[in-house]
């Protein structure tokens, strides 16, 4: 397992132009899977159903694309915390403590942090 990567605020912000389009594609694919799942309805929950066809093929490709995008985002050393909300955390050190710098997809830059066990609800401004 690789050593965790620690980011300064500047390093995290410098990575956002790379991460934002990846996260955008990831959220789009997730939305497609959600729509497909709704359209297929109960067929997906039938253990012995013999389903197939273009809808399932498309959904399978979407799942594969989602995994590739997740892997690429994680390869930069950040943590994908919430796919639905587009939330990414970056390990950092602040005042001698290990914290997460916290960025949400609709934010222009990293402006918050939180303690490791606090999560999004515990965000504080930088």
N, C-alpha and C. Protein backbone atom coordinates (compact mmCIF):
# COMPACT_ATOMS: atom_id res chain seq x y z
N UNK A 1 0.85 -1.18 0.00
CA UNK A 1 0.00 0.00 0.00
C UNK A 1 0.89 1.25 0.00
N UNK A 2 0.55 2.20 -0.81
CA UNK A 2 1.33 3.42 -0.96
C UNK A 2 1.20 4.30 0.28
N UNK A 3 2.24 5.07 0.51
CA UNK A 3 2.20 6.05 1.59
C UNK A 3 1.13 7.10 1.27
N UNK A 4 0.39 7.55 2.28
CA UNK A 4 -0.60 8.59 2.00
C UNK A 4 0.08 9.88 1.54
N UNK A 5 -0.57 10.57 0.65
CA UNK A 5 -0.05 11.84 0.14
C UNK A 5 -0.66 12.97 0.95
N UNK A 6 0.19 13.90 1.34
CA UNK A 6 -0.27 15.09 2.05
C UNK A 6 -0.18 16.29 1.12
N UNK A 7 -1.18 17.14 1.21
CA UNK A 7 -1.31 18.29 0.31
C UNK A 7 -1.28 19.59 1.10
N UNK A 8 -0.68 20.60 0.50
CA UNK A 8 -0.89 21.97 0.97
C UNK A 8 -2.17 22.45 0.28
N UNK A 9 -2.69 23.57 0.74
CA UNK A 9 -3.86 24.15 0.09
C UNK A 9 -3.53 24.47 -1.37
N UNK A 10 -2.35 25.03 -1.60
CA UNK A 10 -1.95 25.38 -2.98
C UNK A 10 -1.85 24.14 -3.86
N UNK A 11 -1.31 23.05 -3.33
CA UNK A 11 -1.21 21.81 -4.11
C UNK A 11 -2.59 21.24 -4.44
N UNK A 12 -3.48 21.26 -3.46
CA UNK A 12 -4.84 20.77 -3.70
C UNK A 12 -5.54 21.62 -4.75
N UNK A 13 -5.42 22.93 -4.62
CA UNK A 13 -6.05 23.83 -5.59
C UNK A 13 -5.45 23.65 -6.99
N UNK A 14 -4.16 23.40 -7.07
CA UNK A 14 -3.51 23.20 -8.37
C UNK A 14 -4.01 21.93 -9.05
N UNK A 15 -4.49 20.98 -8.28
CA UNK A 15 -5.00 19.72 -8.83
C UNK A 15 -6.45 19.82 -9.30
N UNK A 16 -7.18 20.81 -8.84
CA UNK A 16 -8.60 20.93 -9.17
C UNK A 16 -8.90 20.99 -10.67
N UNK A 17 -8.11 21.69 -11.48
CA UNK A 17 -8.40 21.68 -12.92
C UNK A 17 -8.29 20.29 -13.56
N UNK A 18 -7.54 19.41 -12.95
CA UNK A 18 -7.45 18.02 -13.42
C UNK A 18 -8.60 17.19 -12.87
N UNK A 19 -8.92 17.40 -11.60
CA UNK A 19 -9.94 16.57 -10.94
C UNK A 19 -11.36 16.94 -11.35
N UNK A 20 -11.62 18.22 -11.56
CA UNK A 20 -12.99 18.66 -11.83
C UNK A 20 -13.60 17.99 -13.06
N UNK A 21 -12.90 17.92 -14.22
CA UNK A 21 -13.51 17.24 -15.37
C UNK A 21 -13.69 15.74 -15.13
N UNK A 22 -12.77 15.13 -14.38
CA UNK A 22 -12.93 13.70 -14.06
C UNK A 22 -14.16 13.49 -13.18
N UNK A 23 -14.31 14.35 -12.19
CA UNK A 23 -15.45 14.25 -11.29
C UNK A 23 -16.76 14.53 -12.04
N UNK A 24 -16.72 15.46 -12.97
CA UNK A 24 -17.90 15.76 -13.78
C UNK A 24 -18.33 14.52 -14.58
N UNK A 25 -17.37 13.89 -15.24
CA UNK A 25 -17.67 12.67 -16.00
C UNK A 25 -18.19 11.57 -15.08
N UNK A 26 -17.59 11.47 -13.91
CA UNK A 26 -18.00 10.45 -12.95
C UNK A 26 -19.44 10.67 -12.49
N UNK A 27 -19.80 11.90 -12.20
CA UNK A 27 -21.16 12.20 -11.77
C UNK A 27 -22.16 11.99 -12.90
N UNK A 28 -21.75 12.29 -14.14
CA UNK A 28 -22.62 12.04 -15.30
C UNK A 28 -22.88 10.54 -15.46
N UNK A 29 -21.83 9.74 -15.37
CA UNK A 29 -21.99 8.28 -15.50
C UNK A 29 -22.86 7.73 -14.38
N UNK A 30 -22.68 8.25 -13.18
CA UNK A 30 -23.48 7.80 -12.05
C UNK A 30 -24.96 8.12 -12.30
N UNK A 31 -25.23 9.28 -12.85
CA UNK A 31 -26.61 9.65 -13.17
C UNK A 31 -27.19 8.72 -14.23
N UNK A 32 -26.38 8.36 -15.23
CA UNK A 32 -26.86 7.42 -16.27
C UNK A 32 -27.21 6.06 -15.67
N UNK A 33 -26.37 5.58 -14.77
CA UNK A 33 -26.64 4.30 -14.12
C UNK A 33 -27.92 4.38 -13.29
N UNK A 34 -28.11 5.48 -12.61
CA UNK A 34 -29.31 5.66 -11.80
C UNK A 34 -30.57 5.64 -12.66
N UNK A 35 -30.52 6.33 -13.79
CA UNK A 35 -31.66 6.35 -14.72
C UNK A 35 -31.90 4.96 -15.28
N UNK A 36 -30.83 4.29 -15.68
CA UNK A 36 -30.97 2.92 -16.22
C UNK A 36 -31.58 1.99 -15.19
N UNK A 37 -31.13 2.10 -13.95
CA UNK A 37 -31.66 1.24 -12.89
C UNK A 37 -33.15 1.49 -12.68
N UNK A 38 -33.56 2.75 -12.74
CA UNK A 38 -34.98 3.07 -12.60
C UNK A 38 -35.77 2.50 -13.76
N UNK A 39 -35.23 2.61 -14.98
CA UNK A 39 -35.92 2.11 -16.16
C UNK A 39 -36.05 0.59 -16.15
N UNK A 40 -35.04 -0.08 -15.63
CA UNK A 40 -35.07 -1.54 -15.59
C UNK A 40 -35.89 -2.06 -14.43
N UNK A 41 -36.07 -1.23 -13.43
CA UNK A 41 -36.95 -1.54 -12.31
C UNK A 41 -36.64 -2.85 -11.61
N UNK A 42 -37.68 -3.61 -11.38
CA UNK A 42 -37.56 -4.82 -10.58
C UNK A 42 -36.73 -5.91 -11.25
N UNK A 43 -36.50 -5.81 -12.55
CA UNK A 43 -35.69 -6.83 -13.23
C UNK A 43 -34.31 -6.97 -12.60
N UNK A 44 -33.77 -5.87 -12.12
CA UNK A 44 -32.43 -5.90 -11.52
C UNK A 44 -32.41 -6.65 -10.19
N UNK A 45 -33.54 -6.76 -9.55
CA UNK A 45 -33.60 -7.38 -8.23
C UNK A 45 -34.01 -8.85 -8.29
N UNK A 46 -34.35 -9.33 -9.45
CA UNK A 46 -34.74 -10.72 -9.59
C UNK A 46 -33.48 -11.57 -9.75
N UNK A 47 -33.20 -12.37 -8.75
CA UNK A 47 -31.95 -13.13 -8.70
C UNK A 47 -31.78 -14.05 -9.90
N UNK A 48 -32.84 -14.66 -10.34
CA UNK A 48 -32.73 -15.65 -11.42
C UNK A 48 -33.22 -15.13 -12.77
N UNK A 49 -33.41 -13.82 -12.87
CA UNK A 49 -33.88 -13.26 -14.13
C UNK A 49 -32.77 -13.36 -15.18
N UNK A 50 -33.18 -13.69 -16.37
CA UNK A 50 -32.24 -13.76 -17.48
C UNK A 50 -32.41 -12.48 -18.29
N UNK A 51 -31.80 -11.41 -17.78
CA UNK A 51 -31.94 -10.13 -18.46
C UNK A 51 -30.69 -9.83 -19.25
N UNK A 52 -30.87 -9.07 -20.26
CA UNK A 52 -29.75 -8.69 -21.11
C UNK A 52 -30.22 -7.60 -22.04
N UNK A 53 -29.52 -7.44 -23.10
CA UNK A 53 -29.91 -6.45 -24.07
C UNK A 53 -29.10 -5.18 -23.94
N UNK A 54 -29.45 -4.21 -24.77
CA UNK A 54 -28.64 -2.98 -24.83
C UNK A 54 -28.64 -2.18 -23.52
N UNK A 55 -29.75 -2.19 -22.78
CA UNK A 55 -29.79 -1.41 -21.54
C UNK A 55 -28.79 -1.95 -20.53
N UNK A 56 -28.77 -3.26 -20.37
CA UNK A 56 -27.83 -3.87 -19.43
C UNK A 56 -26.40 -3.69 -19.92
N UNK A 57 -26.19 -3.84 -21.22
CA UNK A 57 -24.84 -3.62 -21.77
C UNK A 57 -24.36 -2.19 -21.51
N UNK A 58 -25.24 -1.22 -21.73
CA UNK A 58 -24.89 0.18 -21.47
C UNK A 58 -24.58 0.39 -19.99
N UNK A 59 -25.40 -0.20 -19.12
CA UNK A 59 -25.19 -0.05 -17.69
C UNK A 59 -23.85 -0.67 -17.28
N UNK A 60 -23.54 -1.81 -17.83
CA UNK A 60 -22.27 -2.48 -17.53
C UNK A 60 -21.10 -1.60 -17.97
N UNK A 61 -21.21 -0.99 -19.13
CA UNK A 61 -20.15 -0.09 -19.60
C UNK A 61 -20.05 1.15 -18.71
N UNK A 62 -21.19 1.63 -18.24
CA UNK A 62 -21.17 2.78 -17.33
C UNK A 62 -20.47 2.42 -16.03
N UNK A 63 -20.76 1.23 -15.49
CA UNK A 63 -20.09 0.80 -14.26
C UNK A 63 -18.58 0.68 -14.46
N UNK A 64 -18.17 0.14 -15.59
CA UNK A 64 -16.74 0.02 -15.89
C UNK A 64 -16.10 1.40 -15.99
N UNK A 65 -16.78 2.34 -16.66
CA UNK A 65 -16.26 3.71 -16.80
C UNK A 65 -16.19 4.39 -15.43
N UNK A 66 -17.18 4.15 -14.59
CA UNK A 66 -17.18 4.71 -13.24
C UNK A 66 -15.94 4.23 -12.48
N UNK A 67 -15.66 2.94 -12.54
CA UNK A 67 -14.51 2.41 -11.82
C UNK A 67 -13.20 3.00 -12.34
N UNK A 68 -13.09 3.14 -13.64
CA UNK A 68 -11.88 3.74 -14.23
C UNK A 68 -11.71 5.18 -13.76
N UNK A 69 -12.78 5.94 -13.75
CA UNK A 69 -12.72 7.34 -13.30
C UNK A 69 -12.38 7.43 -11.82
N UNK A 70 -12.97 6.57 -11.00
CA UNK A 70 -12.65 6.56 -9.57
C UNK A 70 -11.17 6.25 -9.37
N UNK A 71 -10.69 5.23 -10.06
CA UNK A 71 -9.27 4.86 -9.94
C UNK A 71 -8.36 6.02 -10.35
N UNK A 72 -8.73 6.72 -11.42
CA UNK A 72 -7.90 7.84 -11.87
C UNK A 72 -7.90 8.97 -10.84
N UNK A 73 -9.06 9.29 -10.28
CA UNK A 73 -9.13 10.33 -9.25
C UNK A 73 -8.28 9.95 -8.05
N UNK A 74 -8.41 8.71 -7.60
CA UNK A 74 -7.65 8.25 -6.44
C UNK A 74 -6.15 8.20 -6.70
N UNK A 75 -5.77 8.03 -7.95
CA UNK A 75 -4.34 7.94 -8.29
C UNK A 75 -3.59 9.23 -7.97
N UNK A 76 -4.29 10.32 -7.82
CA UNK A 76 -3.65 11.59 -7.49
C UNK A 76 -3.40 11.74 -5.99
N UNK A 77 -3.88 10.79 -5.20
CA UNK A 77 -3.63 10.81 -3.76
C UNK A 77 -4.73 11.43 -2.93
N UNK A 78 -5.81 11.83 -3.55
CA UNK A 78 -6.92 12.40 -2.81
C UNK A 78 -7.91 11.29 -2.43
N UNK A 79 -8.95 11.68 -1.70
CA UNK A 79 -9.95 10.73 -1.23
C UNK A 79 -11.31 11.17 -1.77
N UNK A 80 -11.95 10.29 -2.51
CA UNK A 80 -13.30 10.57 -3.01
C UNK A 80 -14.28 10.21 -1.90
N UNK A 81 -14.89 11.22 -1.29
CA UNK A 81 -15.75 11.00 -0.13
C UNK A 81 -17.22 10.82 -0.48
N UNK A 82 -17.69 11.52 -1.50
CA UNK A 82 -19.11 11.45 -1.84
C UNK A 82 -19.27 11.69 -3.33
N UNK A 83 -19.61 10.63 -4.03
CA UNK A 83 -19.79 10.72 -5.48
C UNK A 83 -21.02 11.56 -5.82
N UNK A 84 -22.10 11.40 -5.10
CA UNK A 84 -23.33 12.13 -5.40
C UNK A 84 -23.14 13.64 -5.27
N UNK A 85 -22.44 14.06 -4.23
CA UNK A 85 -22.23 15.49 -4.00
C UNK A 85 -20.95 16.03 -4.61
N UNK A 86 -20.13 15.14 -5.16
CA UNK A 86 -18.87 15.58 -5.74
C UNK A 86 -17.91 16.10 -4.68
N UNK A 87 -17.67 15.29 -3.65
CA UNK A 87 -16.87 15.71 -2.52
C UNK A 87 -15.53 14.97 -2.50
N UNK A 88 -14.46 15.75 -2.48
CA UNK A 88 -13.11 15.19 -2.44
C UNK A 88 -12.36 15.80 -1.27
N UNK A 89 -11.63 14.94 -0.54
CA UNK A 89 -10.79 15.38 0.56
C UNK A 89 -9.32 15.15 0.22
N UNK A 90 -8.47 15.98 0.82
CA UNK A 90 -7.02 15.91 0.64
C UNK A 90 -6.39 15.89 2.03
N UNK A 91 -5.62 14.88 2.33
CA UNK A 91 -4.90 14.87 3.60
C UNK A 91 -3.98 16.07 3.69
N UNK A 92 -3.91 16.66 4.87
CA UNK A 92 -3.08 17.84 5.05
C UNK A 92 -2.69 17.95 6.51
N UNK A 93 -1.76 18.84 6.79
CA UNK A 93 -1.38 19.14 8.16
C UNK A 93 -1.75 20.59 8.45
N UNK A 94 -2.39 20.78 9.58
CA UNK A 94 -2.82 22.14 9.97
C UNK A 94 -2.58 22.29 11.46
N UNK A 95 -1.79 23.25 11.81
CA UNK A 95 -1.48 23.51 13.23
C UNK A 95 -1.00 22.26 13.95
N UNK A 96 -0.18 21.46 13.26
CA UNK A 96 0.39 20.26 13.87
C UNK A 96 -0.54 19.06 13.91
N UNK A 97 -1.72 19.17 13.32
CA UNK A 97 -2.70 18.07 13.30
C UNK A 97 -2.90 17.61 11.86
N UNK A 98 -3.20 16.34 11.72
CA UNK A 98 -3.57 15.80 10.41
C UNK A 98 -5.06 16.06 10.22
N UNK A 99 -5.42 16.70 9.11
CA UNK A 99 -6.81 17.05 8.80
C UNK A 99 -7.06 16.73 7.33
N UNK A 100 -8.29 16.89 6.93
CA UNK A 100 -8.65 16.82 5.52
C UNK A 100 -8.97 18.22 5.01
N UNK A 101 -8.32 18.61 3.92
CA UNK A 101 -8.80 19.76 3.16
C UNK A 101 -10.01 19.26 2.39
N UNK A 102 -11.05 20.04 2.35
CA UNK A 102 -12.33 19.55 1.84
C UNK A 102 -12.79 20.43 0.67
N UNK A 103 -13.06 19.78 -0.46
CA UNK A 103 -13.51 20.50 -1.65
C UNK A 103 -14.76 19.83 -2.21
N UNK A 104 -15.73 20.65 -2.56
CA UNK A 104 -16.96 20.18 -3.18
C UNK A 104 -17.00 20.68 -4.62
N UNK A 105 -17.54 19.87 -5.51
CA UNK A 105 -17.51 20.11 -6.94
C UNK A 105 -17.92 21.52 -7.35
N UNK A 106 -18.89 22.09 -6.70
CA UNK A 106 -19.38 23.41 -7.11
C UNK A 106 -18.61 24.57 -6.48
N UNK A 107 -17.56 24.28 -5.73
CA UNK A 107 -16.75 25.33 -5.11
C UNK A 107 -15.58 25.70 -6.03
N UNK A 108 -15.22 26.98 -6.08
CA UNK A 108 -14.16 27.40 -6.99
C UNK A 108 -12.77 26.93 -6.57
N UNK A 109 -12.58 26.71 -5.28
CA UNK A 109 -11.28 26.26 -4.78
C UNK A 109 -11.47 25.62 -3.40
N UNK A 110 -10.41 25.06 -2.88
CA UNK A 110 -10.45 24.48 -1.54
C UNK A 110 -10.52 25.63 -0.55
N UNK A 111 -11.58 25.67 0.23
CA UNK A 111 -11.80 26.76 1.17
C UNK A 111 -12.09 26.27 2.58
N UNK A 112 -12.13 24.93 2.75
CA UNK A 112 -12.51 24.37 4.04
C UNK A 112 -11.60 23.21 4.41
N UNK A 113 -11.64 22.87 5.67
CA UNK A 113 -10.97 21.67 6.17
C UNK A 113 -11.86 21.07 7.24
N UNK A 114 -11.57 19.85 7.63
CA UNK A 114 -12.25 19.25 8.77
C UNK A 114 -11.34 18.21 9.40
N UNK A 115 -11.61 17.91 10.65
CA UNK A 115 -10.86 16.87 11.35
C UNK A 115 -11.12 15.54 10.65
N UNK A 116 -10.23 14.59 10.83
CA UNK A 116 -10.34 13.30 10.14
C UNK A 116 -11.65 12.59 10.45
N UNK A 117 -12.14 12.72 11.67
CA UNK A 117 -13.36 12.01 12.04
C UNK A 117 -14.61 12.89 12.02
N UNK A 118 -14.49 14.13 11.56
CA UNK A 118 -15.62 15.04 11.61
C UNK A 118 -16.50 14.96 10.36
N UNK A 119 -15.92 14.73 9.21
CA UNK A 119 -16.71 14.68 7.98
C UNK A 119 -17.18 16.04 7.54
N UNK A 120 -18.00 16.01 6.48
CA UNK A 120 -18.47 17.24 5.83
C UNK A 120 -19.17 18.17 6.82
N UNK A 121 -19.94 17.61 7.74
CA UNK A 121 -20.69 18.44 8.69
C UNK A 121 -19.76 19.24 9.60
N UNK A 122 -18.51 18.78 9.76
CA UNK A 122 -17.57 19.47 10.63
C UNK A 122 -16.64 20.43 9.90
N UNK A 123 -16.99 20.79 8.68
CA UNK A 123 -16.11 21.67 7.90
C UNK A 123 -15.95 23.03 8.57
N UNK A 124 -14.73 23.51 8.50
CA UNK A 124 -14.39 24.83 9.00
C UNK A 124 -13.73 25.61 7.88
N UNK A 125 -13.91 26.92 7.83
CA UNK A 125 -13.19 27.70 6.81
C UNK A 125 -11.70 27.70 7.10
N UNK A 126 -10.92 27.76 6.03
CA UNK A 126 -9.46 27.83 6.17
C UNK A 126 -9.04 29.15 6.77
